[in-house]
Amino acid sequence: MAFTNEQIERYSRHIILKKVGAKGQKKLLNSKVLIIGAGGLGAPAAMYLAAAGVGTIGIADADEVDLSNLQRQIIHATKDVGKAKVQSAKETMQEMNPDVTVNTYRIFVTSENIRELIRNYDFIIDGTDNFPAKFLINDACVMEKKPFSHAGIIRFQGQLMTYVPEKGPCYRCVFKNPPPKDAVPTCKQAGVIGAMGGVIQGTACNR
């Protein structure tokens, strides 16, 4: 695979890095990442990955853009209110980088569809905002031997962990089971500082 002149310019700051270089950039262009959730966590991750030249990015989310989302979900704009989040995200990512192929899945991820959904991707990003979804993603990735990154944010805090098959603990190893219903408030109930999703997912994308 030979870079075009435009690609050499676009990815020049990667290519000159000794730990990335042309070989690493080609690997990014040939990689496939699935983001589950196009909200406060998935939005900045999607933009960073598209900008970096990850060749195929999948986004799964069943929701539409709401005005209250725009305080932190930076992939969406005011004109996108009422639009499917996956469509809004795709348009922003492809405008940013036409090299990227974006696959959209306007669905709720369930135990019936998740294993098939993640199977063709190299890495999974958990951008969901509820514990049942997080445990579902963990269990499916463990069964399919897929590496994934978990993130969570609330108020002024966030957490992040990455699971690598057969090389470390998974989300369920650390947290065992979902907490009792209503034991932990949601961002809608407790609030969240807008930049927190970007801080956490920016860290994930640079690991």
Protein backbone atom coordinates (compact mmCIF):
# COMPACT_ATOMS: atom_id res chain seq x y z
CA MET A 1 0.00 0.00 0.00
CA ALA A 2 1.46 3.35 -1.08
CA PHE A 3 0.40 6.64 0.50
CA THR A 4 -1.03 9.38 -1.67
CA ASN A 5 0.52 12.83 -1.40
CA GLU A 6 -2.55 13.94 0.54
CA GLN A 7 -2.19 11.07 3.01
CA ILE A 8 1.49 11.84 3.55
CA GLU A 9 0.55 15.39 4.47
CA ARG A 10 -2.52 14.41 6.51
CA TYR A 11 -0.68 11.85 8.63
CA SER A 12 2.74 13.55 8.63
CA ARG A 13 2.79 14.02 12.42
CA HIS A 14 2.29 10.27 12.85
CA ILE A 15 4.73 9.25 10.15
CA ILE A 16 7.62 11.20 11.68
CA LEU A 17 7.10 9.54 15.06
CA LYS A 18 9.63 6.73 15.52
CA LYS A 19 7.09 4.54 17.34
CA VAL A 20 4.47 4.95 14.59
CA GLY A 21 6.07 5.76 11.24
CA ALA A 22 4.73 4.72 7.85
CA LYS A 23 4.33 1.11 9.00
CA GLY A 24 2.18 2.12 11.97
CA GLN A 25 0.05 4.45 9.89
CA LYS A 26 -0.61 1.70 7.36
CA LYS A 27 -1.64 -0.55 10.24
CA LEU A 28 -4.10 2.11 11.43
CA LEU A 29 -5.57 2.45 7.94
CA ASN A 30 -6.09 -1.33 7.82
CA SER A 31 -7.61 -1.58 11.31
CA LYS A 32 -11.24 -1.88 12.37
CA VAL A 33 -12.67 -0.41 15.58
CA LEU A 34 -16.25 -0.62 16.83
CA ILE A 35 -17.63 2.07 19.15
CA ILE A 36 -20.75 1.12 21.09
CA GLY A 37 -22.48 4.34 22.09
CA ALA A 38 -22.22 7.68 20.22
CA GLY A 39 -22.65 9.85 23.32
CA GLY A 40 -20.32 11.64 25.72
CA LEU A 41 -17.73 8.84 25.59
CA GLY A 42 -18.17 7.55 22.05
CA ALA A 43 -18.25 10.99 20.39
CA PRO A 44 -14.69 12.14 21.19
CA ALA A 45 -13.31 8.63 20.62
CA ALA A 46 -14.88 8.54 17.16
CA MET A 47 -13.39 11.90 16.22
CA TYR A 48 -9.90 10.98 17.43
CA LEU A 49 -9.99 7.65 15.61
CA ALA A 50 -11.24 9.19 12.37
CA ALA A 51 -8.60 11.92 12.54
CA ALA A 52 -5.90 9.31 13.17
CA GLY A 53 -6.87 7.37 10.06
CA VAL A 54 -8.36 4.22 11.54
CA GLY A 55 -9.63 2.71 8.30
CA THR A 56 -12.95 1.22 9.37
CA ILE A 57 -14.96 2.53 12.29
CA GLY A 58 -18.30 1.09 13.34
CA ILE A 59 -20.73 3.04 15.51
CA ALA A 60 -23.70 1.42 17.25
CA ASP A 61 -26.36 3.58 18.92
CA ALA A 62 -30.15 3.60 18.75
CA ASP A 63 -30.74 7.17 19.98
CA GLU A 64 -31.34 10.53 18.34
CA VAL A 65 -29.42 13.75 19.05
CA ASP A 66 -30.99 15.83 21.83
CA LEU A 67 -30.17 19.45 22.65
CA SER A 68 -28.88 18.44 26.10
CA ASN A 69 -26.31 16.15 24.41
CA LEU A 70 -24.40 19.01 22.82
CA GLN A 71 -22.70 20.12 26.05
CA ARG A 72 -20.35 17.10 25.78
CA GLN A 73 -21.14 15.03 22.67
CA ILE A 74 -18.88 17.06 20.40
CA ILE A 75 -19.42 14.99 17.26
CA HIS A 76 -22.97 16.41 16.99
CA ALA A 77 -24.06 19.98 16.22
CA THR A 78 -27.21 22.04 16.79
CA LYS A 79 -28.36 21.29 13.23
CA ASP A 80 -28.27 17.56 14.09
CA VAL A 81 -30.89 17.72 16.86
CA GLY A 82 -33.50 15.06 16.07
CA LYS A 83 -31.15 13.17 13.75
CA ALA A 84 -29.98 9.61 14.45
CA LYS A 85 -26.72 9.83 16.40
CA VAL A 86 -25.02 7.27 14.17
CA GLN A 87 -25.85 9.30 11.07
CA SER A 88 -24.71 12.57 12.64
CA ALA A 89 -21.47 10.93 13.76
CA LYS A 90 -20.83 9.42 10.34
CA GLU A 91 -21.27 12.76 8.59
CA THR A 92 -18.85 14.52 10.94
CA MET A 93 -16.22 11.79 10.71
CA GLN A 94 -16.28 11.57 6.94
CA GLU A 95 -16.13 15.32 6.59
CA MET A 96 -13.08 15.26 8.86
CA ASN A 97 -11.37 12.39 7.03
CA PRO A 98 -12.65 10.88 3.77
CA ASP A 99 -10.14 8.01 4.12
CA VAL A 100 -12.35 6.49 6.81
CA THR A 101 -15.15 3.99 6.18
CA VAL A 102 -17.92 4.40 8.77
CA ASN A 103 -20.38 1.57 9.39
CA THR A 104 -23.51 2.58 11.28
CA TYR A 105 -25.74 0.35 13.40
CA ARG A 106 -28.86 2.11 14.63
CA ILE A 107 -29.72 -0.62 17.09
CA PHE A 108 -29.83 -1.43 20.77
CA VAL A 109 -26.98 -3.83 21.46
CA THR A 110 -28.38 -6.97 23.09
CA SER A 111 -27.24 -10.46 24.02
CA GLU A 112 -28.82 -11.66 20.75
CA ASN A 113 -26.79 -9.43 18.42
CA ILE A 114 -23.59 -8.37 20.16
CA ARG A 115 -21.34 -11.32 19.37
CA GLU A 116 -22.07 -11.09 15.65
CA LEU A 117 -21.67 -7.30 15.80
CA ILE A 118 -18.19 -7.34 17.34
CA ARG A 119 -16.85 -10.33 15.46
CA ASN A 120 -15.43 -8.46 12.45
CA TYR A 121 -13.68 -5.72 14.45
CA ASP A 122 -10.17 -5.66 15.88
CA PHE A 123 -10.95 -3.55 18.94
CA ILE A 124 -14.13 -2.53 20.79
CA ILE A 125 -14.78 0.73 22.63
CA ASP A 126 -17.44 0.73 25.32
CA GLY A 127 -19.03 4.18 25.22
CA THR A 128 -22.24 3.17 26.97
CA ASP A 129 -23.76 4.83 30.03
CA ASN A 130 -25.35 1.95 31.93
CA PHE A 131 -24.06 -1.07 33.81
CA PRO A 132 -26.05 -3.84 32.05
CA ALA A 133 -24.57 -2.72 28.71
CA LYS A 134 -21.07 -2.57 30.13
CA PHE A 135 -21.25 -6.10 31.52
CA LEU A 136 -22.80 -7.32 28.25
CA ILE A 137 -19.94 -5.82 26.21
CA ASN A 138 -17.37 -7.28 28.59
CA ASP A 139 -18.82 -10.78 28.48
CA ALA A 140 -19.15 -10.79 24.68
CA CYS A 141 -15.58 -9.56 24.21
CA VAL A 142 -14.26 -12.22 26.59
CA MET A 143 -16.15 -14.94 24.71
CA GLU A 144 -15.01 -13.65 21.31
CA LYS A 145 -11.47 -12.91 22.56
CA LYS A 146 -11.71 -9.27 21.52
CA PRO A 147 -9.69 -6.52 23.25
CA PHE A 148 -11.81 -3.64 24.45
CA SER A 149 -11.65 -0.37 26.33
CA HIS A 150 -14.16 0.48 29.06
CA ALA A 151 -14.77 4.04 30.19
CA GLY A 152 -17.19 5.72 32.58
CA ILE A 153 -17.76 9.34 33.60
CA ILE A 154 -19.88 11.19 36.14
CA ARG A 155 -19.68 14.68 37.66
CA PHE A 156 -15.96 15.59 37.62
CA GLN A 157 -14.58 12.05 37.55
CA GLY A 158 -13.92 9.26 35.12
CA GLN A 159 -12.43 5.78 34.97
CA LEU A 160 -10.81 3.77 32.24
CA MET A 161 -9.55 0.23 31.75
CA THR A 162 -8.46 -1.87 28.80
CA TYR A 163 -8.94 -5.61 28.51
CA VAL A 164 -6.49 -7.65 26.46
CA PRO A 165 -7.55 -11.30 26.05
CA GLU A 166 -5.53 -13.74 28.15
CA LYS A 167 -3.21 -10.96 29.38
CA GLY A 168 -5.12 -9.37 32.23
CA PRO A 169 -8.39 -9.03 34.15
CA CYS A 170 -11.65 -8.11 32.47
CA TYR A 171 -14.35 -5.70 33.68
CA ARG A 172 -16.27 -8.48 35.45
CA CYS A 173 -13.07 -9.66 37.16
CA VAL A 174 -12.77 -6.23 38.76
CA PHE A 175 -16.41 -5.33 39.47
CA LYS A 176 -18.00 -8.82 39.67
CA ASN A 177 -21.66 -7.88 39.12
CA PRO A 178 -23.73 -4.79 38.27
CA PRO A 179 -24.62 -2.65 41.30
CA PRO A 180 -28.21 -2.70 42.59
CA LYS A 181 -30.67 -0.64 40.57
CA ASP A 182 -30.49 3.10 41.39
CA ALA A 183 -27.40 2.60 43.60
CA VAL A 184 -25.32 4.77 41.26
CA PRO A 185 -26.85 7.94 39.76
CA THR A 186 -26.75 8.55 36.02
CA CYS A 187 -25.19 11.63 34.40
CA LYS A 188 -28.73 12.87 33.79
CA GLN A 189 -29.36 12.71 37.53
CA ALA A 190 -25.96 13.80 38.86
CA GLY A 191 -24.52 15.88 36.01
CA VAL A 192 -21.15 15.68 34.28
CA ILE A 193 -18.60 18.28 33.27
CA GLY A 194 -18.60 18.48 29.48
CA ALA A 195 -14.88 17.92 28.85
CA MET A 196 -14.63 14.77 30.98
CA GLY A 197 -15.54 12.42 28.12
CA GLY A 198 -12.80 13.91 25.96
CA VAL A 199 -10.21 13.65 28.73
CA ILE A 200 -11.00 9.97 29.35
CA GLN A 201 -11.32 8.87 25.73
CA GLY A 202 -8.35 10.94 24.66
CA THR A 203 -6.35 8.91 27.16
CA ALA A 204 -7.81 5.66 25.79
CA CYS A 205 -6.96 6.51 22.19
CA ASN A 206 -3.34 7.25 23.11
CA ARG A 207 -2.73 4.07 25.07
